Amino acid sequence: MKFAIRRSDERGNADHGWLKTFHTFSFASYYDSQHEHFGPLRVINEDRVEPKTGFGTHAHREFEIFSYIVKGALEHRDSMGNVEVMKRGDLQMTSAGTGIRHSEHSHGDEQVHFLQIWSVPSTRGLSPQYFTRHFDDAEKKDQWAHVVAPAGAPGVEEKREASGPAPVHSPLDLFATLLSPAKSLAYTFQPAAAQRKGYIHVVQNSGYNPKEASGGRVRMTATDGSTVELREGDGAYIMAAPGERLSVENAGETVTEVLLFDLE
C-alpha cells in the first residue's frame, strides 16, 4: 500500500466573500496538472456558503454530483422539479446524465458547510435522476457508514428516497465516520482483478483555515506498518492491492469526521 499526501493548504483555495472554497482537484480557475482526477473521482470541493447566497441556476451533464452536508442547511432546486432543504447528515446525489439545471443556496441565517463531490459515470447518455439519503451521527460514530455505492450493487436501491447508500453510476464507494479520540477503524479494500485506488479526506470541522492544517488528527497505517498523519482539510491518495487492509486511528483529542473512497 502506498500513500501520497494532499495537504490542506496545498489545495486550490478561494475566498469570494459569499463563498469560501477548497479544491482537491483542478476546478474553475484553479489548475494543477498533478491533481486533475483520481480514477472516476473528479471533484472534491469543501465549500462554505454565507447566508442568503449561493450558486445560481447552472447546467451540468455527464457527471454524478453529490453533496455531503456538514453543517447548516442547503436549498437545492433543479430542472427535474426537485426542491429540497438538506441539513447535517443528508446526502443528495444528482445523476446529471444528458443534462440538468440546478441551483444551490444557503438556507436560513447560518453559513452552510458541505462537500461537493463529482465522479465520471461509467455510461454516457443516462437519463437524469435525483436521490437523497440521510445518515445521522449515531450511524457514523466509530464505524464506517456506507453512504454511496455503485448502482446495482447489493443493498443499493435506485429510488429517490431509501435506506442504504445512494446509488452512483461510477465504480466508487464512499464511507464516512465520526471517529472518537483513541478509536481506530479498519477498512479492507474490495477484492478485484486489478490494483485499487483510495482517497481519504479529513473534514475541516473546526472552522475555515486556509493555512497549515490544524484541528483533529488521524493516523493511517498500512499493512506493512507504514504510517501517515493527517489533520483537518488534509487528504491522501492511496494505492492498494485488492483485499489489502487499512487502519485509520484518531490520534487527536477531538471527534474527527473522515471520508474514505474506494475506487476502481
Protein backbone atom coordinates (compact mmCIF):
# COMPACT_ATOMS: atom_id res chain seq x y z
CA MET A 1 0.00 0.00 0.00
CA LYS A 2 1.30 3.47 -0.89
CA PHE A 3 0.16 6.90 0.32
CA ALA A 4 0.57 10.31 -1.34
CA ILE A 5 -0.45 13.15 0.98
CA ARG A 6 -2.58 16.07 -0.26
CA ARG A 7 -2.09 18.78 2.36
CA SER A 8 -4.97 21.15 3.09
CA ASP A 9 -3.01 24.33 2.36
CA GLU A 10 -1.81 22.92 -0.97
CA ARG A 11 -5.36 22.57 -2.28
CA GLY A 12 -6.87 25.20 -4.56
CA ASN A 13 -8.43 27.85 -2.35
CA ALA A 14 -10.59 30.92 -2.97
CA ASP A 15 -12.41 33.39 -0.74
CA HIS A 16 -15.15 35.12 -2.76
CA GLY A 17 -16.79 36.67 0.29
CA TRP A 18 -20.07 34.81 -0.15
CA LEU A 19 -18.16 31.55 -0.79
CA LYS A 20 -15.05 30.13 0.82
CA THR A 21 -13.91 27.04 -1.04
CA PHE A 22 -11.13 24.47 -1.29
CA HIS A 23 -10.50 22.35 -4.40
CA THR A 24 -8.77 18.97 -4.06
CA PHE A 25 -8.71 18.67 -7.86
CA SER A 26 -8.44 21.24 -10.66
CA PHE A 27 -11.64 23.27 -10.73
CA ALA A 28 -12.81 26.64 -12.11
CA SER A 29 -9.76 28.96 -12.23
CA TYR A 30 -7.59 26.57 -10.18
CA TYR A 31 -5.49 24.18 -12.26
CA ASP A 32 -2.81 21.70 -11.22
CA SER A 33 -1.78 19.05 -13.74
CA GLN A 34 -0.81 16.74 -10.85
CA HIS A 35 -4.32 16.85 -9.38
CA GLU A 36 -6.93 16.60 -12.15
CA HIS A 37 -8.76 13.41 -11.13
CA PHE A 38 -8.21 10.06 -9.44
CA GLY A 39 -9.91 7.14 -11.12
CA PRO A 40 -13.54 8.22 -11.63
CA LEU A 41 -13.25 10.87 -8.88
CA ARG A 42 -13.15 14.33 -10.48
CA VAL A 43 -14.13 16.91 -7.82
CA ILE A 44 -13.91 17.26 -4.04
CA ASN A 45 -14.78 20.84 -3.14
CA GLU A 46 -15.11 21.78 0.53
CA ASP A 47 -17.46 24.79 0.42
CA ARG A 48 -18.77 27.30 2.95
CA VAL A 49 -21.61 29.47 1.63
CA GLU A 50 -22.77 32.55 3.53
CA PRO A 51 -26.46 33.01 4.49
CA LYS A 52 -28.87 34.04 1.73
CA THR A 53 -26.28 33.48 -1.01
CA GLY A 54 -25.34 30.57 -3.23
CA PHE A 55 -24.85 29.13 -6.67
CA GLY A 56 -27.40 30.42 -9.18
CA THR A 57 -29.04 28.18 -11.76
CA HIS A 58 -26.43 26.48 -13.93
CA ALA A 59 -26.17 23.39 -16.14
CA HIS A 60 -24.41 20.04 -15.80
CA ARG A 61 -24.21 16.92 -17.92
CA GLU A 62 -22.36 13.59 -17.81
CA PHE A 63 -21.39 13.87 -14.14
CA GLU A 64 -22.54 12.21 -10.93
CA ILE A 65 -22.79 15.07 -8.42
CA PHE A 66 -23.32 14.57 -4.71
CA SER A 67 -23.46 16.94 -1.76
CA TYR A 68 -22.45 15.83 1.76
CA ILE A 69 -23.83 18.29 4.32
CA VAL A 70 -21.55 19.02 7.28
CA LYS A 71 -23.26 21.99 8.95
CA GLY A 72 -26.12 24.39 8.23
CA ALA A 73 -28.80 23.95 5.55
CA LEU A 74 -28.54 23.82 1.75
CA GLU A 75 -31.51 24.51 -0.54
CA HIS A 76 -31.49 22.59 -3.83
CA ARG A 77 -33.73 23.31 -6.86
CA ASP A 78 -33.45 21.64 -10.26
CA SER A 79 -35.00 21.29 -13.70
CA MET A 80 -36.48 17.89 -12.74
CA GLY A 81 -38.79 19.70 -10.30
CA ASN A 82 -36.94 18.76 -7.13
CA VAL A 83 -36.97 21.32 -4.32
CA GLU A 84 -35.33 20.28 -1.06
CA VAL A 85 -33.61 21.73 2.01
CA MET A 86 -30.82 19.47 3.24
CA LYS A 87 -29.21 19.55 6.69
CA ARG A 88 -26.42 17.76 8.54
CA GLY A 89 -26.47 14.06 7.85
CA ASP A 90 -28.16 14.46 4.47
CA LEU A 91 -26.54 13.30 1.26
CA GLN A 92 -28.01 14.33 -2.09
CA MET A 93 -26.96 12.75 -5.39
CA THR A 94 -27.81 14.08 -8.86
CA SER A 95 -27.03 11.86 -11.82
CA ALA A 96 -26.86 14.63 -14.45
CA GLY A 97 -26.79 12.28 -17.43
CA THR A 98 -27.95 14.00 -20.62
CA GLY A 99 -28.30 17.29 -18.77
CA ILE A 100 -29.92 19.12 -15.86
CA ARG A 101 -30.02 22.65 -14.48
CA HIS A 102 -29.91 23.30 -10.76
CA SER A 103 -29.19 25.89 -8.07
CA GLU A 104 -27.84 25.59 -4.53
CA HIS A 105 -28.24 28.25 -1.86
CA SER A 106 -27.60 28.60 1.84
CA HIS A 107 -30.95 28.28 3.61
CA GLY A 108 -31.68 30.26 6.76
CA ASP A 109 -29.43 32.53 8.80
CA GLU A 110 -26.46 30.20 9.17
CA GLN A 111 -23.50 29.53 6.89
CA VAL A 112 -23.74 26.13 5.19
CA HIS A 113 -20.64 23.91 5.09
CA PHE A 114 -20.75 20.99 2.66
CA LEU A 115 -18.62 18.87 0.37
CA GLN A 116 -19.46 18.86 -3.31
CA ILE A 117 -18.18 15.69 -4.98
CA TRP A 118 -18.29 14.76 -8.67
CA SER A 119 -17.48 11.49 -10.40
CA VAL A 120 -17.44 10.46 -14.05
CA PRO A 121 -20.18 7.95 -14.93
CA SER A 122 -19.26 4.62 -16.47
CA THR A 123 -22.01 5.04 -19.09
CA ARG A 124 -22.82 8.20 -21.03
CA GLY A 125 -26.30 9.33 -22.06
CA LEU A 126 -28.14 8.27 -18.90
CA SER A 127 -31.50 9.82 -18.04
CA PRO A 128 -31.13 12.39 -15.23
CA GLN A 129 -32.02 11.09 -11.73
CA TYR A 130 -32.15 12.52 -8.21
CA PHE A 131 -31.59 10.71 -4.90
CA THR A 132 -31.40 11.68 -1.23
CA ARG A 133 -30.24 9.71 1.79
CA HIS A 134 -29.82 10.50 5.49
CA PHE A 135 -27.16 9.18 7.86
CA ASP A 136 -27.28 10.56 11.38
CA ASP A 137 -24.24 10.96 13.59
CA ALA A 138 -25.03 7.77 15.51
CA GLU A 139 -24.68 5.74 12.29
CA LYS A 140 -21.18 7.19 11.76
CA LYS A 141 -19.92 7.08 15.35
CA ASP A 142 -16.77 4.91 15.43
CA GLN A 143 -17.89 2.88 12.42
CA TRP A 144 -17.93 3.22 8.65
CA ALA A 145 -21.30 4.36 7.29
CA HIS A 146 -21.60 3.27 3.65
CA VAL A 147 -23.12 6.41 2.13
CA VAL A 148 -22.57 5.97 -1.65
CA ALA A 149 -22.21 2.78 -3.70
CA PRO A 150 -22.45 1.73 -7.36
CA ALA A 151 -25.96 1.40 -8.75
CA GLY A 152 -26.92 -2.27 -8.95
CA ALA A 153 -24.71 -3.34 -6.05
CA PRO A 154 -26.35 -5.39 -3.26
CA GLY A 155 -28.42 -3.20 -0.92
CA VAL A 156 -28.44 -0.20 -3.28
CA GLU A 157 -31.90 0.99 -4.33
CA GLU A 158 -32.41 3.36 -7.26
CA LYS A 159 -35.24 5.16 -5.51
CA ARG A 160 -35.44 8.87 -4.75
CA GLU A 161 -35.51 8.14 -1.01
CA ALA A 162 -34.49 4.86 0.61
CA SER A 163 -32.24 3.42 3.28
CA GLY A 164 -28.69 2.36 2.49
CA PRO A 165 -26.16 4.00 0.19
CA ALA A 166 -27.09 6.49 -2.51
CA PRO A 167 -26.58 4.96 -5.98
CA VAL A 168 -23.82 6.29 -8.23
CA HIS A 169 -23.15 5.27 -11.84
CA SER A 170 -19.39 5.10 -11.27
CA PRO A 171 -17.09 2.43 -9.77
CA LEU A 172 -16.97 4.31 -6.46
CA ASP A 173 -17.85 3.57 -2.84
CA LEU A 174 -17.87 6.29 -0.18
CA PHE A 175 -17.74 5.70 3.57
CA ALA A 176 -17.99 8.25 6.41
CA THR A 177 -17.15 8.09 10.09
CA LEU A 178 -17.09 10.28 13.19
CA LEU A 179 -14.06 8.84 14.93
CA SER A 180 -13.61 9.36 18.67
CA PRO A 181 -10.20 10.01 20.27
CA ALA A 182 -8.05 6.85 20.55
CA LYS A 183 -10.55 4.85 18.47
CA SER A 184 -9.48 3.09 15.27
CA LEU A 185 -11.27 1.53 12.32
CA ALA A 186 -10.08 -1.00 9.78
CA TYR A 187 -11.07 -0.99 6.13
CA THR A 188 -10.38 -3.77 3.64
CA PHE A 189 -10.23 -2.69 0.01
CA GLN A 190 -12.52 -4.58 -2.31
CA PRO A 191 -11.21 -7.76 -3.92
CA ALA A 192 -10.70 -7.20 -7.65
CA ALA A 193 -8.56 -8.26 -10.57
CA ALA A 194 -6.52 -5.06 -10.51
CA GLN A 195 -5.00 -2.61 -8.03
CA ARG A 196 -7.49 -0.50 -6.06
CA LYS A 197 -7.38 3.24 -5.58
CA GLY A 198 -8.50 5.04 -2.44
CA TYR A 199 -8.78 8.60 -1.28
CA ILE A 200 -9.22 9.78 2.30
CA HIS A 201 -10.34 13.27 3.33
CA VAL A 202 -10.45 14.75 6.83
CA VAL A 203 -13.32 17.24 7.07
CA GLN A 204 -12.34 20.73 8.24
CA ASN A 205 -14.82 20.83 11.12
CA SER A 206 -13.06 23.25 13.47
CA GLY A 207 -13.50 26.24 11.15
CA TYR A 208 -12.27 27.72 7.87
CA ASN A 209 -8.47 27.59 7.76
CA PRO A 210 -6.53 28.34 4.54
CA LYS A 211 -3.19 27.92 6.35
CA GLU A 212 -1.38 24.81 7.57
CA ALA A 213 -3.87 22.18 8.72
CA SER A 214 -4.79 22.00 12.39
CA GLY A 215 -7.67 20.63 14.48
CA GLY A 216 -8.47 16.91 14.50
CA ARG A 217 -5.73 14.42 13.71
CA VAL A 218 -5.88 10.91 12.27
CA ARG A 219 -3.19 8.31 11.65
CA MET A 220 -3.36 5.85 8.75
CA THR A 221 -1.45 2.59 8.96
CA ALA A 222 -0.84 0.28 6.00
CA THR A 223 -0.49 -3.50 6.11
CA ASP A 224 3.31 -3.17 6.18
CA GLY A 225 3.17 -0.87 9.22
CA SER A 226 3.96 2.39 7.38
CA THR A 227 2.01 5.37 8.75
CA VAL A 228 0.82 8.82 7.68
CA GLU A 229 -0.77 11.51 9.84
CA LEU A 230 -3.43 13.90 8.56
CA ARG A 231 -5.09 16.97 10.07
CA GLU A 232 -8.39 18.66 9.19
CA GLY A 233 -8.55 19.51 5.49
CA ASP A 234 -5.74 17.09 4.60
CA GLY A 235 -6.26 14.16 2.31
CA ALA A 236 -4.25 11.30 0.82
CA TYR A 237 -4.21 9.23 -2.32
CA ILE A 238 -4.00 5.51 -1.61
CA MET A 239 -2.81 2.73 -3.91
CA ALA A 240 -3.75 -0.66 -2.51
CA ALA A 241 -3.70 -4.27 -3.57
CA PRO A 242 -7.14 -5.90 -3.80
CA GLY A 243 -8.17 -7.03 -0.33
CA GLU A 244 -5.44 -5.02 1.40
CA ARG A 245 -6.28 -3.65 4.86
CA LEU A 246 -6.03 -0.04 6.01
CA SER A 247 -6.25 1.15 9.62
CA VAL A 248 -7.47 4.66 10.50
CA GLU A 249 -6.94 5.88 14.07
CA ASN A 250 -7.97 9.12 15.78
CA ALA A 251 -4.63 10.34 17.13
CA GLY A 252 -6.00 13.66 18.38
CA GLU A 253 -8.22 14.94 21.17
CA THR A 254 -11.47 15.69 19.33
CA VAL A 255 -14.03 13.68 17.38
CA THR A 256 -12.90 13.80 13.75
CA GLU A 257 -15.02 13.37 10.60
CA VAL A 258 -13.39 11.29 7.89
CA LEU A 259 -14.47 10.34 4.35
CA LEU A 260 -12.96 7.30 2.62
CA PHE A 261 -13.35 6.49 -1.09
CA ASP A 262 -12.74 3.03 -2.57
CA LEU A 263 -12.25 3.41 -6.34
CA GLU A 264 -11.63 1.28 -9.38
